[in-house]
Protein backbone atom coordinates (compact mmCIF):
# COMPACT_ATOMS: atom_id res chain seq x y z
CA MET A 1 -9.99 -0.36 -24.32
CA THR A 2 -8.00 2.77 -23.47
CA GLY A 3 -5.63 2.96 -20.52
CA TYR A 4 -8.15 5.12 -18.69
CA GLN A 5 -10.95 2.61 -19.31
CA GLU A 6 -8.76 -0.31 -18.28
CA MET A 7 -7.69 1.28 -15.00
CA LYS A 8 -11.26 2.39 -14.35
CA PHE A 9 -12.32 -1.26 -14.73
CA TYR A 10 -9.65 -2.36 -12.26
CA VAL A 11 -10.60 0.27 -9.69
CA GLN A 12 -14.30 -0.50 -10.10
CA ASN A 13 -13.46 -4.07 -9.11
CA PHE A 14 -11.51 -3.12 -5.98
CA PRO A 15 -14.17 -4.63 -3.66
CA ASN A 16 -14.17 -7.84 -5.71
CA TYR A 17 -10.39 -8.07 -5.38
CA LEU A 18 -10.78 -7.81 -1.60
CA GLY A 19 -13.06 -10.82 -1.78
CA LYS A 20 -10.58 -12.67 -3.99
CA GLY A 21 -7.85 -11.99 -1.46
CA LEU A 22 -9.95 -13.56 1.29
CA GLU A 23 -10.66 -16.57 -0.92
CA ILE A 24 -6.95 -17.12 -1.61
CA GLY A 25 -6.03 -16.57 2.02
CA HIS A 26 -8.52 -19.10 3.34
CA ASN A 27 -6.80 -21.73 1.18
CA ILE A 28 -3.28 -21.06 2.47
CA LYS A 29 -1.92 -24.13 4.23
CA LEU A 30 1.64 -23.73 5.44
CA LYS A 31 4.10 -26.58 5.83
CA LYS A 32 4.62 -26.40 9.58
CA SER A 33 8.00 -28.13 9.27
CA ASN A 34 9.30 -24.97 7.54
CA TYR A 35 8.77 -23.00 10.76
CA ALA A 36 10.36 -25.22 13.40
CA ASN A 37 12.37 -22.40 14.96
CA PRO A 38 10.74 -19.89 17.32
CA ILE A 39 9.79 -16.76 15.37
CA LYS A 40 11.36 -13.78 17.13
CA ASN A 41 10.93 -11.09 14.46
CA ILE A 42 9.29 -10.55 11.09
CA VAL A 43 10.47 -8.81 7.91
CA LEU A 44 8.13 -7.94 5.05
CA THR A 45 10.11 -7.30 1.87
CA GLY A 46 8.70 -5.84 -1.36
CA LEU A 47 8.49 -2.61 -3.32
CA GLY A 48 5.92 -0.47 -5.10
CA GLY A 49 2.57 -2.12 -5.58
CA SER A 50 4.00 -5.24 -3.92
CA GLY A 51 5.21 -3.25 -0.92
CA ILE A 52 2.39 -0.91 0.01
CA GLY A 53 0.31 -3.80 1.39
CA ALA A 54 3.06 -4.41 3.94
CA GLU A 55 2.77 -0.81 5.10
CA LEU A 56 -1.01 -1.15 5.47
CA VAL A 57 -0.55 -4.35 7.48
CA HIS A 58 2.10 -2.65 9.60
CA ASN A 59 -0.36 0.13 10.53
CA TYR A 60 -2.96 -2.47 11.43
CA LEU A 61 -0.65 -4.62 13.54
CA GLU A 62 1.07 -1.87 15.53
CA ASP A 63 -1.29 -2.36 18.48
CA ILE A 64 -1.79 -6.09 17.95
CA LEU A 65 1.45 -7.90 17.16
CA HIS A 66 3.82 -8.71 20.03
CA LEU A 67 6.84 -9.32 17.81
CA PRO A 68 9.07 -6.74 16.08
CA LEU A 69 7.96 -6.22 12.47
CA SER A 70 10.14 -4.46 9.88
CA ILE A 71 9.47 -3.42 6.30
CA ASN A 72 12.31 -3.79 3.82
CA LYS A 73 12.37 -1.87 0.52
CA ASN A 74 15.93 -2.53 -0.50
CA TYR A 75 18.23 -5.11 -2.06
CA HIS A 76 19.62 -6.06 1.33
CA LEU A 77 17.93 -7.33 4.47
CA PRO A 78 18.64 -5.94 7.95
CA LYS A 79 21.65 -7.44 9.72
CA PHE A 80 19.47 -8.95 12.47
CA VAL A 81 17.79 -11.42 10.10
CA ASN A 82 18.62 -14.99 11.08
CA ASN A 83 17.03 -18.42 11.49
CA ASN A 84 14.53 -16.97 13.97
CA THR A 85 13.25 -14.44 11.44
CA LEU A 86 10.11 -14.89 9.37
CA VAL A 87 10.64 -13.21 5.99
CA ILE A 88 7.56 -12.69 3.83
CA VAL A 89 8.74 -11.98 0.29
CA ASN A 90 6.26 -10.16 -1.96
CA SER A 91 6.76 -9.58 -5.67
CA TYR A 92 3.67 -9.64 -7.85
CA SER A 93 5.61 -10.25 -11.05
CA GLY A 94 8.07 -12.54 -9.32
CA ASP A 95 10.90 -10.78 -11.16
CA THR A 96 11.57 -7.66 -9.08
CA GLU A 97 15.34 -7.31 -8.93
CA GLU A 98 15.58 -5.93 -5.40
CA THR A 99 13.13 -8.46 -3.97
CA LEU A 100 14.89 -11.42 -5.57
CA GLN A 101 18.16 -10.26 -4.01
CA ALA A 102 16.44 -10.01 -0.62
CA PHE A 103 15.04 -13.51 -1.13
CA HIS A 104 18.53 -14.91 -1.74
CA GLU A 105 19.84 -13.16 1.37
CA ALA A 106 16.97 -14.52 3.46
CA LYS A 107 17.80 -18.02 2.23
CA GLU A 108 21.51 -17.56 2.98
CA LYS A 109 20.65 -16.41 6.49
CA LYS A 110 18.43 -19.49 6.91
CA ALA A 111 15.36 -17.37 7.63
CA MET A 112 11.89 -18.90 7.49
CA ILE A 113 10.52 -17.77 4.12
CA VAL A 114 7.03 -17.40 2.67
CA CYS A 115 6.46 -15.90 -0.79
CA ILE A 116 3.56 -13.96 -2.29
CA THR A 117 3.61 -13.76 -6.09
CA SER A 118 1.74 -14.45 -9.31
CA GLY A 119 4.65 -16.32 -10.87
CA GLY A 120 8.01 -15.51 -12.42
CA THR A 121 11.43 -16.26 -10.98
CA LEU A 122 10.30 -15.95 -7.36
CA LYS A 123 7.72 -18.70 -7.78
CA GLN A 124 10.32 -20.99 -9.37
CA LEU A 125 12.87 -20.32 -6.63
CA ALA A 126 10.32 -20.86 -3.88
CA GLU A 127 9.13 -24.12 -5.40
CA ASN A 128 12.70 -25.34 -5.85
CA SER A 129 13.36 -24.71 -2.15
CA ASP A 130 9.99 -26.08 -1.01
CA PHE A 131 8.99 -22.73 0.51
CA ASP A 132 5.32 -21.86 0.94
CA ILE A 133 3.74 -19.60 -1.71
CA ALA A 134 0.53 -17.61 -1.85
CA ILE A 135 -0.33 -17.45 -5.57
CA LEU A 136 -2.03 -14.29 -6.85
CA PRO A 137 -4.02 -13.90 -10.09
CA GLU A 138 -1.83 -13.11 -13.10
CA GLY A 139 -1.99 -10.40 -15.72
CA MET A 140 -2.67 -7.18 -13.83
CA PRO A 141 -0.50 -4.17 -12.97
CA PRO A 142 1.01 -4.88 -9.53
CA ARG A 143 -0.65 -1.80 -7.98
CA VAL A 144 -4.05 -3.20 -8.95
CA CYS A 145 -3.47 -6.37 -6.94
CA VAL A 146 -2.93 -4.61 -3.59
CA PRO A 147 -6.49 -5.35 -2.33
CA THR A 148 -5.85 -9.01 -3.14
CA SER A 149 -2.28 -9.32 -1.87
CA PHE A 150 -2.15 -7.47 1.48
CA SER A 151 -4.49 -9.93 3.19
CA GLN A 152 -2.13 -12.81 2.36
CA ILE A 153 0.36 -11.41 4.88
CA LEU A 154 -2.32 -11.53 7.55
CA PHE A 155 -3.41 -15.06 6.66
CA ILE A 156 0.21 -16.21 6.85
CA LEU A 157 0.59 -14.69 10.31
CA LYS A 158 -2.71 -16.28 11.37
CA GLU A 159 -1.60 -19.70 10.13
CA LEU A 160 1.53 -19.33 12.25
CA GLU A 161 -0.65 -18.38 15.24
CA LEU A 162 0.95 -14.95 15.54
CA ILE A 163 -2.40 -13.14 15.24
CA ASP A 164 -6.06 -14.18 15.48
CA ASN A 165 -8.61 -14.15 12.67
CA SER A 166 -10.45 -10.91 13.54
CA PHE A 167 -9.00 -9.20 10.46
CA ILE A 168 -11.18 -11.43 8.27
CA SER A 169 -14.48 -9.95 9.42
CA GLU A 170 -12.97 -6.46 9.23
CA ILE A 171 -12.08 -6.95 5.58
CA GLU A 172 -15.45 -8.55 4.84
CA HIS A 173 -17.24 -5.55 6.35
CA ALA A 174 -14.94 -3.18 4.45
CA LYS A 175 -15.89 -4.93 1.20
CA ILE A 176 -19.59 -4.43 1.97
CA LEU A 177 -19.00 -0.77 2.83
CA LEU A 178 -17.13 -0.08 -0.41
CA GLU A 179 -19.82 -1.77 -2.49
CA LYS A 180 -22.48 0.31 -0.75
CA GLU A 181 -20.57 3.58 -1.02
CA SER A 182 -19.04 3.07 -4.47
CA SER A 183 -21.18 5.64 -6.28
CA ASN A 184 -20.70 8.26 -3.57
CA ILE A 185 -16.96 7.63 -3.51
CA GLN A 186 -16.74 8.11 -7.27
CA LEU A 187 -18.66 11.38 -7.08
CA GLU A 188 -16.39 12.64 -4.30
CA ALA A 189 -13.29 11.62 -6.23
CA GLN A 190 -14.53 13.43 -9.35
CA ALA A 191 -15.22 16.58 -7.34
CA ILE A 192 -11.76 16.53 -5.76
CA ALA A 193 -10.10 15.88 -9.14
CA LYS A 194 -11.76 18.93 -10.69
CA LYS A 195 -10.53 21.10 -7.84
CA ILE A 196 -6.90 19.98 -7.77
CA TYR A 197 -5.96 18.72 -11.23
CA LYS A 198 -3.83 21.75 -12.13
CA THR A 199 -1.95 21.67 -8.82
CA THR A 200 0.58 19.51 -7.00
CA PRO A 201 -1.19 17.51 -4.24
CA ILE A 202 0.26 17.40 -0.75
CA LEU A 203 -1.19 14.70 1.48
CA TYR A 204 -1.30 14.80 5.27
CA SER A 205 -2.67 12.27 7.75
CA ASN A 206 -2.11 10.88 11.20
CA GLN A 207 0.82 8.44 11.52
CA ASP A 208 -1.70 5.66 12.21
CA ILE A 209 -2.67 5.60 8.51
CA ASP A 210 0.51 6.80 6.84
CA SER A 211 0.21 3.76 4.54
CA VAL A 212 -2.96 5.31 3.11
CA ILE A 213 -1.35 8.57 2.06
CA THR A 214 1.60 6.64 0.66
CA ARG A 215 -0.87 4.67 -1.46
CA TRP A 216 -2.51 7.92 -2.59
CA ARG A 217 0.87 9.34 -3.63
CA GLN A 218 1.84 6.17 -5.49
CA GLN A 219 -1.45 6.08 -7.40
CA LEU A 220 -1.18 9.76 -8.30
CA ASN A 221 2.37 9.09 -9.54
CA GLU A 222 1.58 5.98 -11.60
CA ASN A 223 -2.01 6.51 -12.74
CA SER A 224 -2.23 10.31 -12.97
CA LYS A 225 1.42 10.82 -13.98
CA ILE A 226 1.94 13.68 -11.52
CA LEU A 227 4.26 14.39 -8.63
CA ALA A 228 2.84 14.47 -5.12
CA TRP A 229 4.16 14.06 -1.62
CA GLU A 230 2.93 12.88 1.74
CA ARG A 231 3.80 13.44 5.39
CA ALA A 232 2.27 12.18 8.62
CA PHE A 233 1.47 13.98 11.84
CA PRO A 234 3.02 14.63 14.31
CA GLU A 235 6.45 14.34 12.59
CA MET A 236 5.44 16.85 9.90
CA ASN A 237 4.92 19.47 12.61
CA HIS A 238 8.59 19.33 13.61
CA ASN A 239 10.08 20.27 10.24
CA GLU A 240 7.89 20.55 7.13
CA LEU A 241 5.55 23.09 8.67
CA VAL A 242 8.38 25.63 8.57
CA GLY A 243 8.53 25.15 4.79
CA TRP A 244 5.15 26.85 4.50
CA LYS A 245 6.68 30.27 5.12
CA ASP A 246 6.09 31.37 1.50
CA ASN A 247 2.98 31.22 -0.68
CA HIS A 248 2.59 28.07 -2.76
CA LYS A 249 -0.48 28.69 -4.89
CA ASP A 250 0.31 25.74 -7.15
CA PHE A 251 -0.14 23.32 -4.21
CA SER A 252 -3.35 21.71 -3.00
CA VAL A 253 -3.31 20.25 0.50
CA LEU A 254 -5.49 17.28 1.41
CA PHE A 255 -5.94 16.32 5.06
CA LEU A 256 -7.11 12.70 5.37
CA HIS A 257 -9.06 11.92 8.54
CA THR A 258 -10.18 8.60 10.02
CA GLY A 259 -12.51 10.27 12.49
CA VAL A 260 -10.91 8.44 15.41
CA GLU A 261 -7.78 10.55 15.81
CA SER A 262 -6.87 11.57 19.34
CA GLN A 263 -7.67 15.09 20.45
CA LEU A 264 -3.92 15.76 20.46
CA ILE A 265 -3.75 15.03 16.73
CA LYS A 266 -6.99 16.88 15.97
CA ASN A 267 -5.53 19.99 17.61
CA ARG A 268 -2.46 19.73 15.40
CA PHE A 269 -4.59 19.33 12.28
CA GLU A 270 -6.60 22.46 13.06
CA ILE A 271 -3.61 24.65 13.88
CA CYS A 272 -1.69 23.51 10.80
CA LYS A 273 -4.68 24.16 8.55
CA GLU A 274 -4.82 27.71 9.86
CA VAL A 275 -1.18 28.19 8.90
CA ILE A 276 -1.37 26.48 5.51
CA LYS A 277 -4.67 27.77 4.16
CA GLU A 278 -3.18 31.23 3.67
CA LYS A 279 -0.28 29.80 1.67
CA ALA A 280 -1.76 27.06 -0.53
CA PHE A 281 -4.15 27.16 -3.47
CA LEU A 282 -6.64 24.93 -1.66
CA VAL A 283 -7.00 22.99 1.58
CA LEU A 284 -9.45 20.07 1.73
CA ASP A 285 -10.58 17.82 4.56
CA ILE A 286 -11.32 14.24 3.49
CA PHE A 287 -13.05 11.88 5.90
CA ALA A 288 -13.20 8.10 6.02
CA LYS A 289 -16.28 6.05 6.74
CA GLY A 290 -16.40 2.77 8.63
CA ASN A 291 -16.16 1.40 12.14
CA SER A 292 -12.88 -0.52 12.00
CA PHE A 293 -9.31 0.06 10.90
CA PHE A 294 -9.72 -1.74 7.59
CA SER A 295 -13.09 -0.18 6.80
CA ARG A 296 -11.67 3.31 7.26
CA ALA A 297 -8.30 2.68 5.63
CA LEU A 298 -9.71 0.82 2.62
CA TYR A 299 -12.44 3.43 2.20
CA LEU A 300 -9.78 6.12 1.86
CA ILE A 301 -7.61 3.96 -0.39
CA TYR A 302 -10.56 3.26 -2.69
CA LEU A 303 -11.30 6.99 -2.83
CA GLY A 304 -7.67 7.74 -3.67
CA ASP A 305 -7.61 5.11 -6.40
CA TRP A 306 -10.67 6.69 -8.01
CA LEU A 307 -9.14 10.15 -7.67
CA SER A 308 -6.03 9.00 -9.53
CA VAL A 309 -8.16 7.67 -12.40
CA TYR A 310 -10.23 10.84 -12.75
CA LEU A 311 -7.09 12.98 -12.68
CA ALA A 312 -5.67 10.81 -15.46
CA GLU A 313 -8.80 11.47 -17.50
CA LEU A 314 -8.63 15.22 -16.92
CA ARG A 315 -4.95 15.25 -17.86
CA GLY A 316 -5.48 13.06 -20.92
CA VAL A 317 -2.86 10.49 -19.88
CA ASP A 318 -2.79 6.70 -20.01
CA ALA A 319 -3.50 5.53 -16.47
CA VAL A 320 -1.98 2.07 -17.06
CA GLU A 321 1.34 2.65 -18.80
CA VAL A 322 4.56 2.86 -16.78
CA GLU A 323 7.03 3.01 -19.65
CA VAL A 324 9.68 4.92 -17.73
CA ILE A 325 9.79 2.20 -15.05
CA ASN A 326 10.12 -0.44 -17.77
CA TYR A 327 12.94 1.62 -19.30
CA LEU A 328 14.69 1.74 -15.92
CA LYS A 329 14.43 -2.03 -15.44
CA GLU A 330 15.59 -2.80 -18.98
CA THR A 331 18.55 -0.42 -18.72
CA LEU A 332 19.58 -1.83 -15.34
CA ALA A 333 19.43 -5.36 -16.78
CA LYS A 334 21.69 -4.37 -19.70
CA ARG A 335 24.25 -2.79 -17.37
CA ALA A 336 24.24 -5.89 -15.20
CA ASP A 337 25.16 -8.12 -18.18
């Protein structure tokens, strides 16, 4: 099986991985004695494919959660972390250098810790300290496991009675939507790929789904082996818009819409498109389907995953390999010895 065929198989199974995530989450049973202190803030720590789920959850919880929630993508945790902080540590491999360092800091600060992993050092450390662990299926690229892993954060928060269980039906309905729309999504992704594959994609959305365009950029980087960048409205309007002074005919601009943006944001989209369409090679509007946050966000993520695979095919690259990241990790390990 080629890298393209392997990644195509993984993306085809995206809806099934959503279902697997729900199955794993329903079986999470936390040791309540590990959370005796009042939880006053939450930190989600993880990077890459193990970190993007935290960003998706953050978008979802912005209007739901009553506690401060921070995302950490570094070796070191924020100074405020203490024994009233819930730290959810996510590393698919269980061996991510930065995340393991953050784990040790969380333990030193006596934070309440839950881990999400498929194994590795993180699993061993968590077991040795009797911390709770959500175990993910082994043997896949971390970015493939996002539809399985992000829901574990929500189940953990539900178990701790920080949120209710309404996210479960949202994800179930999203799974049904993606299964129903799979063929149409693939056709749309193929059409977009043919239009943009010789250009650098620029991704814009509303801040409410900035996790989605981050996921698109990451998948284009890792699967398609191309550079891309993303910015969210309205912040983009206060700086990046000025950068469109000159023509950039090697750029394609994709505006991702949920269909529920405020009129204020819609106005900004329209005005910015007027400015940019004269400067870029192509401007495309891409619309989500669905009647909930997760239906719309996961619809767009599924579309972006397919786009990254079809671009890999057009470019003749291996959609699975990440040799340069492996080189970085191996070289860092040698210098640490």
